[in-house]
Amino acid sequence: MPPAFRFVLTPTGSILEKLKPYSGSRKVKPVLDPTGPYHFYKVVEALGYLETSRATGKVVVYPIP
């Protein structure tokens, strides 16, 4: 498994410009929580899971019921 690191982005143009070369190269991949995706009717359950601080990555909710 390749090394990973965590970073937080603020929506400034200069940071986004620096990341632009990586966006199409597939070198940067999002981390999705393995418990999802949640159906829209379970959005309350998904939010409750987020509040437990046990989520690893992003929690996905399908917008179509």
PDB file of N, CA and C in Angstrom:
ATOM      1  N   MET A   1       0.852  -1.174   0.000  1.00  0.00           N
ATOM      2  CA  MET A   1       0.000   0.000   0.000  1.00  0.00           C
ATOM      3  C   MET A   1       0.898   1.237   0.000  1.00  0.00           C
ATOM      4  N   PRO A   2       0.608   2.202  -0.874  1.00  0.00           N
ATOM      5  CA  PRO A   2       1.445   3.406  -0.921  1.00  0.00           C
ATOM      6  C   PRO A   2       1.268   4.247   0.337  1.00  0.00           C
ATOM      7  N   PRO A   3       2.266   5.054   0.654  1.00  0.00           N
ATOM      8  CA  PRO A   3       2.141   5.907   1.843  1.00  0.00           C
ATOM      9  C   PRO A   3       0.999   6.898   1.668  1.00  0.00           C
ATOM     10  N   ALA A   4       0.388   7.250   2.784  1.00  0.00           N
ATOM     11  CA  ALA A   4      -0.727   8.194   2.754  1.00  0.00           C
ATOM     12  C   ALA A   4      -0.451   9.314   3.740  1.00  0.00           C
ATOM     13  N   PHE A   5      -1.042  10.441   3.492  1.00  0.00           N
ATOM     14  CA  PHE A   5      -0.958  11.550   4.419  1.00  0.00           C
ATOM     15  C   PHE A   5      -2.268  12.303   4.382  1.00  0.00           C
ATOM     16  N   ARG A   6      -2.528  13.018   5.436  1.00  0.00           N
ATOM     17  CA  ARG A   6      -3.777  13.756   5.581  1.00  0.00           C
ATOM     18  C   ARG A   6      -3.500  15.241   5.440  1.00  0.00           C
ATOM     19  N   PHE A   7      -4.375  15.925   4.745  1.00  0.00           N
ATOM     20  CA  PHE A   7      -4.255  17.370   4.641  1.00  0.00           C
ATOM     21  C   PHE A   7      -5.638  17.979   4.551  1.00  0.00           C
ATOM     22  N   VAL A   8      -5.725  19.226   4.919  1.00  0.00           N
ATOM     23  CA  VAL A   8      -6.983  19.958   4.873  1.00  0.00           C
ATOM     24  C   VAL A   8      -6.813  21.109   3.901  1.00  0.00           C
ATOM     25  N   LEU A   9      -7.759  21.251   3.012  1.00  0.00           N
ATOM     26  CA  LEU A   9      -7.707  22.334   2.032  1.00  0.00           C
ATOM     27  C   LEU A   9      -8.631  23.466   2.418  1.00  0.00           C
ATOM     28  N   THR A  10      -8.140  24.639   2.223  1.00  0.00           N
ATOM     29  CA  THR A  10      -9.014  25.799   2.306  1.00  0.00           C
ATOM     30  C   THR A  10      -9.260  26.245   0.868  1.00  0.00           C
ATOM     31  N   PRO A  11     -10.415  26.733   0.562  1.00  0.00           N
ATOM     32  CA  PRO A  11     -10.740  27.040  -0.827  1.00  0.00           C
ATOM     33  C   PRO A  11     -10.055  28.296  -1.345  1.00  0.00           C
ATOM     34  N   THR A  12      -8.746  28.231  -1.466  1.00  0.00           N
ATOM     35  CA  THR A  12      -8.025  29.359  -2.066  1.00  0.00           C
ATOM     36  C   THR A  12      -7.503  28.919  -3.423  1.00  0.00           C
ATOM     37  N   GLY A  13      -7.441  29.844  -4.331  1.00  0.00           N
ATOM     38  CA  GLY A  13      -7.007  29.542  -5.690  1.00  0.00           C
ATOM     39  C   GLY A  13      -5.583  29.039  -5.776  1.00  0.00           C
ATOM     40  N   SER A  14      -4.689  29.556  -4.936  1.00  0.00           N
ATOM     41  CA  SER A  14      -3.286  29.148  -5.029  1.00  0.00           C
ATOM     42  C   SER A  14      -3.090  27.674  -4.667  1.00  0.00           C
ATOM     43  N   ILE A  15      -3.803  27.195  -3.652  1.00  0.00           N
ATOM     44  CA  ILE A  15      -3.675  25.786  -3.274  1.00  0.00           C
ATOM     45  C   ILE A  15      -4.285  24.893  -4.351  1.00  0.00           C
ATOM     46  N   LEU A  16      -5.440  25.294  -4.859  1.00  0.00           N
ATOM     47  CA  LEU A  16      -6.083  24.492  -5.893  1.00  0.00           C
ATOM     48  C   LEU A  16      -5.243  24.451  -7.167  1.00  0.00           C
ATOM     49  N   GLU A  17      -4.554  25.517  -7.495  1.00  0.00           N
ATOM     50  CA  GLU A  17      -3.674  25.529  -8.661  1.00  0.00           C
ATOM     51  C   GLU A  17      -2.520  24.535  -8.490  1.00  0.00           C
ATOM     52  N   LYS A  18      -1.988  24.427  -7.280  1.00  0.00           N
ATOM     53  CA  LYS A  18      -0.903  23.479  -7.019  1.00  0.00           C
ATOM     54  C   LYS A  18      -1.372  22.035  -7.149  1.00  0.00           C
ATOM     55  N   LEU A  19      -2.634  21.771  -6.851  1.00  0.00           N
ATOM     56  CA  LEU A  19      -3.167  20.410  -6.941  1.00  0.00           C
ATOM     57  C   LEU A  19      -3.650  20.042  -8.344  1.00  0.00           C
ATOM     58  N   LYS A  20      -3.786  21.015  -9.204  1.00  0.00           N
ATOM     59  CA  LYS A  20      -4.324  20.791 -10.539  1.00  0.00           C
ATOM     60  C   LYS A  20      -3.597  19.689 -11.316  1.00  0.00           C
ATOM     61  N   PRO A  21      -2.262  19.620 -11.302  1.00  0.00           N
ATOM     62  CA  PRO A  21      -1.581  18.563 -12.058  1.00  0.00           C
ATOM     63  C   PRO A  21      -1.920  17.147 -11.570  1.00  0.00           C
ATOM     64  N   TYR A  22      -2.324  17.020 -10.325  1.00  0.00           N
ATOM     65  CA  TYR A  22      -2.604  15.701  -9.770  1.00  0.00           C
ATOM     66  C   TYR A  22      -4.045  15.253  -9.978  1.00  0.00           C
ATOM     67  N   SER A  23      -4.933  16.166 -10.299  1.00  0.00           N
ATOM     68  CA  SER A  23      -6.356  15.836 -10.374  1.00  0.00           C
ATOM     69  C   SER A  23      -6.668  14.840 -11.486  1.00  0.00           C
ATOM     70  N   GLY A  24      -6.007  14.930 -12.614  1.00  0.00           N
ATOM     71  CA  GLY A  24      -6.270  14.009 -13.715  1.00  0.00           C
ATOM     72  C   GLY A  24      -5.317  12.836 -13.777  1.00  0.00           C
ATOM     73  N   SER A  25      -4.315  12.823 -12.924  1.00  0.00           N
ATOM     74  CA  SER A  25      -3.296  11.782 -12.999  1.00  0.00           C
ATOM     75  C   SER A  25      -3.609  10.554 -12.165  1.00  0.00           C
ATOM     76  N   ARG A  26      -4.679  10.596 -11.404  1.00  0.00           N
ATOM     77  CA  ARG A  26      -5.089   9.508 -10.516  1.00  0.00           C
ATOM     78  C   ARG A  26      -4.068   9.227  -9.407  1.00  0.00           C
ATOM     79  N   LYS A  27      -3.242  10.210  -9.102  1.00  0.00           N
ATOM     80  CA  LYS A  27      -2.288  10.072  -8.008  1.00  0.00           C
ATOM     81  C   LYS A  27      -2.928  10.424  -6.672  1.00  0.00           C
ATOM     82  N   VAL A  28      -3.984  11.217  -6.716  1.00  0.00           N
ATOM     83  CA  VAL A  28      -4.706  11.600  -5.505  1.00  0.00           C
ATOM     84  C   VAL A  28      -6.059  10.903  -5.549  1.00  0.00           C
ATOM     85  N   LYS A  29      -6.329  10.068  -4.550  1.00  0.00           N
ATOM     86  CA  LYS A  29      -7.579   9.320  -4.530  1.00  0.00           C
ATOM     87  C   LYS A  29      -8.322   9.604  -3.228  1.00  0.00           C
ATOM     88  N   PRO A  30      -9.638   9.772  -3.311  1.00  0.00           N
ATOM     89  CA  PRO A  30     -10.398   9.995  -2.083  1.00  0.00           C
ATOM     90  C   PRO A  30     -10.501   8.696  -1.277  1.00  0.00           C
ATOM     91  N   VAL A  31     -10.588   8.841   0.020  1.00  0.00           N
ATOM     92  CA  VAL A  31     -10.786   7.695   0.900  1.00  0.00           C
ATOM     93  C   VAL A  31     -12.254   7.679   1.288  1.00  0.00           C
ATOM     94  N   LEU A  32     -12.934   6.582   0.945  1.00  0.00           N
ATOM     95  CA  LEU A  32     -14.353   6.449   1.254  1.00  0.00           C
ATOM     96  C   LEU A  32     -14.532   5.446   2.385  1.00  0.00           C
ATOM     97  N   ASP A  33     -15.387   5.791   3.331  1.00  0.00           N
ATOM     98  CA  ASP A  33     -15.643   4.911   4.465  1.00  0.00           C
ATOM     99  C   ASP A  33     -16.285   3.616   3.976  1.00  0.00           C
ATOM    100  N   PRO A  34     -15.817   2.466   4.457  1.00  0.00           N
ATOM    101  CA  PRO A  34     -16.346   1.192   3.978  1.00  0.00           C
ATOM    102  C   PRO A  34     -17.769   0.868   4.437  1.00  0.00           C
ATOM    103  N   THR A  35     -18.338   1.619   5.371  1.00  0.00           N
ATOM    104  CA  THR A  35     -19.708   1.330   5.811  1.00  0.00           C
ATOM    105  C   THR A  35     -20.747   1.808   4.816  1.00  0.00           C
ATOM    106  N   GLY A  36     -20.385   2.706   3.933  1.00  0.00           N
ATOM    107  CA  GLY A  36     -21.336   3.266   2.977  1.00  0.00           C
ATOM    108  C   GLY A  36     -21.308   2.499   1.683  1.00  0.00           C
ATOM    109  N   PRO A  37     -22.023   2.961   0.702  1.00  0.00           N
ATOM    110  CA  PRO A  37     -22.830   4.176   0.716  1.00  0.00           C
ATOM    111  C   PRO A  37     -24.164   3.961   1.421  1.00  0.00           C
ATOM    112  N   TYR A  38     -24.671   5.038   1.986  1.00  0.00           N
ATOM    113  CA  TYR A  38     -25.965   5.029   2.653  1.00  0.00           C
ATOM    114  C   TYR A  38     -27.030   5.484   1.666  1.00  0.00           C
ATOM    115  N   HIS A  39     -28.182   4.874   1.736  1.00  0.00           N
ATOM    116  CA  HIS A  39     -29.318   5.352   0.935  1.00  0.00           C
ATOM    117  C   HIS A  39     -29.826   6.642   1.561  1.00  0.00           C
ATOM    118  N   PHE A  40     -30.471   7.462   0.752  1.00  0.00           N
ATOM    119  CA  PHE A  40     -30.932   8.764   1.213  1.00  0.00           C
ATOM    120  C   PHE A  40     -31.855   8.652   2.425  1.00  0.00           C
ATOM    121  N   TYR A  41     -32.681   7.620   2.471  1.00  0.00           N
ATOM    122  CA  TYR A  41     -33.603   7.487   3.601  1.00  0.00           C
ATOM    123  C   TYR A  41     -32.874   7.118   4.899  1.00  0.00           C
ATOM    124  N   LYS A  42     -31.567   6.821   4.822  1.00  0.00           N
ATOM    125  CA  LYS A  42     -30.774   6.528   6.015  1.00  0.00           C
ATOM    126  C   LYS A  42     -29.791   7.661   6.337  1.00  0.00           C
ATOM    127  N   VAL A  43     -30.097   8.870   5.880  1.00  0.00           N
ATOM    128  CA  VAL A  43     -29.194   9.993   6.089  1.00  0.00           C
ATOM    129  C   VAL A  43     -29.010  10.301   7.577  1.00  0.00           C
ATOM    130  N   VAL A  44     -30.030  10.106   8.378  1.00  0.00           N
ATOM    131  CA  VAL A  44     -29.911  10.345   9.822  1.00  0.00           C
ATOM    132  C   VAL A  44     -28.918   9.344  10.428  1.00  0.00           C
ATOM    133  N   GLU A  45     -28.983   8.099   9.965  1.00  0.00           N
ATOM    134  CA  GLU A  45     -28.041   7.074  10.429  1.00  0.00           C
ATOM    135  C   GLU A  45     -26.605   7.441  10.013  1.00  0.00           C
ATOM    136  N   ALA A  46     -26.432   7.927   8.794  1.00  0.00           N
ATOM    137  CA  ALA A  46     -25.106   8.315   8.302  1.00  0.00           C
ATOM    138  C   ALA A  46     -24.547   9.471   9.129  1.00  0.00           C
ATOM    139  N   LEU A  47     -25.384  10.462   9.435  1.00  0.00           N
ATOM    140  CA  LEU A  47     -24.928  11.591  10.250  1.00  0.00           C
ATOM    141  C   LEU A  47     -24.582  11.147  11.668  1.00  0.00           C
ATOM    142  N   GLY A  48     -25.360  10.224  12.205  1.00  0.00           N
ATOM    143  CA  GLY A  48     -25.052   9.679  13.526  1.00  0.00           C
ATOM    144  C   GLY A  48     -23.716   8.956  13.535  1.00  0.00           C
ATOM    145  N   TYR A  49     -23.437   8.236  12.456  1.00  0.00           N
ATOM    146  CA  TYR A  49     -22.151   7.549  12.328  1.00  0.00           C
ATOM    147  C   TYR A  49     -21.003   8.554  12.278  1.00  0.00           C
ATOM    148  N   LEU A  50     -21.203   9.650  11.558  1.00  0.00           N
ATOM    149  CA  LEU A  50     -20.163  10.688  11.496  1.00  0.00           C
ATOM    150  C   LEU A  50     -19.889  11.284  12.875  1.00  0.00           C
ATOM    151  N   GLU A  51     -20.921  11.454  13.668  1.00  0.00           N
ATOM    152  CA  GLU A  51     -20.767  12.054  14.992  1.00  0.00           C
ATOM    153  C   GLU A  51     -20.017  11.149  15.965  1.00  0.00           C
ATOM    154  N   THR A  52     -19.919   9.850  15.655  1.00  0.00           N
ATOM    155  CA  THR A  52     -19.176   8.937  16.532  1.00  0.00           C
ATOM    156  C   THR A  52     -17.667   9.068  16.349  1.00  0.00           C
ATOM    157  N   SER A  53     -17.240   9.776  15.320  1.00  0.00           N
ATOM    158  CA  SER A  53     -15.815   9.954  14.981  1.00  0.00           C
ATOM    159  C   SER A  53     -15.125   8.637  14.623  1.00  0.00           C
ATOM    160  N   ARG A  54     -15.886   7.640  14.197  1.00  0.00           N
ATOM    161  CA  ARG A  54     -15.300   6.369  13.776  1.00  0.00           C
ATOM    162  C   ARG A  54     -15.176   6.270  12.265  1.00  0.00           C
ATOM    163  N   ALA A  55     -15.658   7.255  11.530  1.00  0.00           N
ATOM    164  CA  ALA A  55     -15.609   7.210  10.073  1.00  0.00           C
ATOM    165  C   ALA A  55     -14.164   7.324   9.597  1.00  0.00           C
ATOM    166  N   THR A  56     -13.849   6.494   8.609  1.00  0.00           N
ATOM    167  CA  THR A  56     -12.530   6.534   7.980  1.00  0.00           C
ATOM    168  C   THR A  56     -12.729   7.063   6.565  1.00  0.00           C
ATOM    169  N   GLY A  57     -12.408   8.297   6.337  1.00  0.00           N
ATOM    170  CA  GLY A  57     -12.628   8.894   5.028  1.00  0.00           C
ATOM    171  C   GLY A  57     -13.990   9.554   4.950  1.00  0.00           C
ATOM    172  N   LYS A  58     -14.475   9.687   3.751  1.00  0.00           N
ATOM    173  CA  LYS A  58     -15.751  10.353   3.506  1.00  0.00           C
ATOM    174  C   LYS A  58     -16.895   9.357   3.562  1.00  0.00           C
ATOM    175  N   VAL A  59     -18.001   9.766   4.125  1.00  0.00           N
ATOM    176  CA  VAL A  59     -19.199   8.937   4.180  1.00  0.00           C
ATOM    177  C   VAL A  59     -20.096   9.352   3.024  1.00  0.00           C
ATOM    178  N   VAL A  60     -20.460   8.395   2.191  1.00  0.00           N
ATOM    179  CA  VAL A  60     -21.223   8.671   0.966  1.00  0.00           C
ATOM    180  C   VAL A  60     -22.695   8.412   1.207  1.00  0.00           C
ATOM    181  N   VAL A  61     -23.532   9.362   0.747  1.00  0.00           N
ATOM    182  CA  VAL A  61     -24.994   9.219   0.792  1.00  0.00           C
ATOM    183  C   VAL A  61     -25.509   9.393  -0.617  1.00  0.00           C
ATOM    184  N   TYR A  62     -26.258   8.387  -1.098  1.00  0.00           N
ATOM    185  CA  TYR A  62     -26.888   8.505  -2.424  1.00  0.00           C
ATOM    186  C   TYR A  62     -28.024   9.495  -2.330  1.00  0.00           C
ATOM    187  N   PRO A  63     -28.066  10.504  -3.211  1.00  0.00           N
ATOM    188  CA  PRO A  63     -29.105  11.549  -3.122  1.00  0.00           C
ATOM    189  C   PRO A  63     -30.474  11.120  -3.640  1.00  0.00           C
ATOM    190  N   ILE A  64     -30.551   9.993  -4.335  1.00  0.00           N
ATOM    191  CA  ILE A  64     -31.826   9.565  -4.905  1.00  0.00           C
ATOM    192  C   ILE A  64     -32.424   8.485  -4.021  1.00  0.00           C
ATOM    193  N   PRO A  65     -33.639   8.698  -3.502  1.00  0.00           N
ATOM    194  CA  PRO A  65     -34.262   7.703  -2.619  1.00  0.00           C
ATOM    195  C   PRO A  65     -34.615   6.407  -3.323  1.00  0.00           C
TER     196      PRO A  65
END
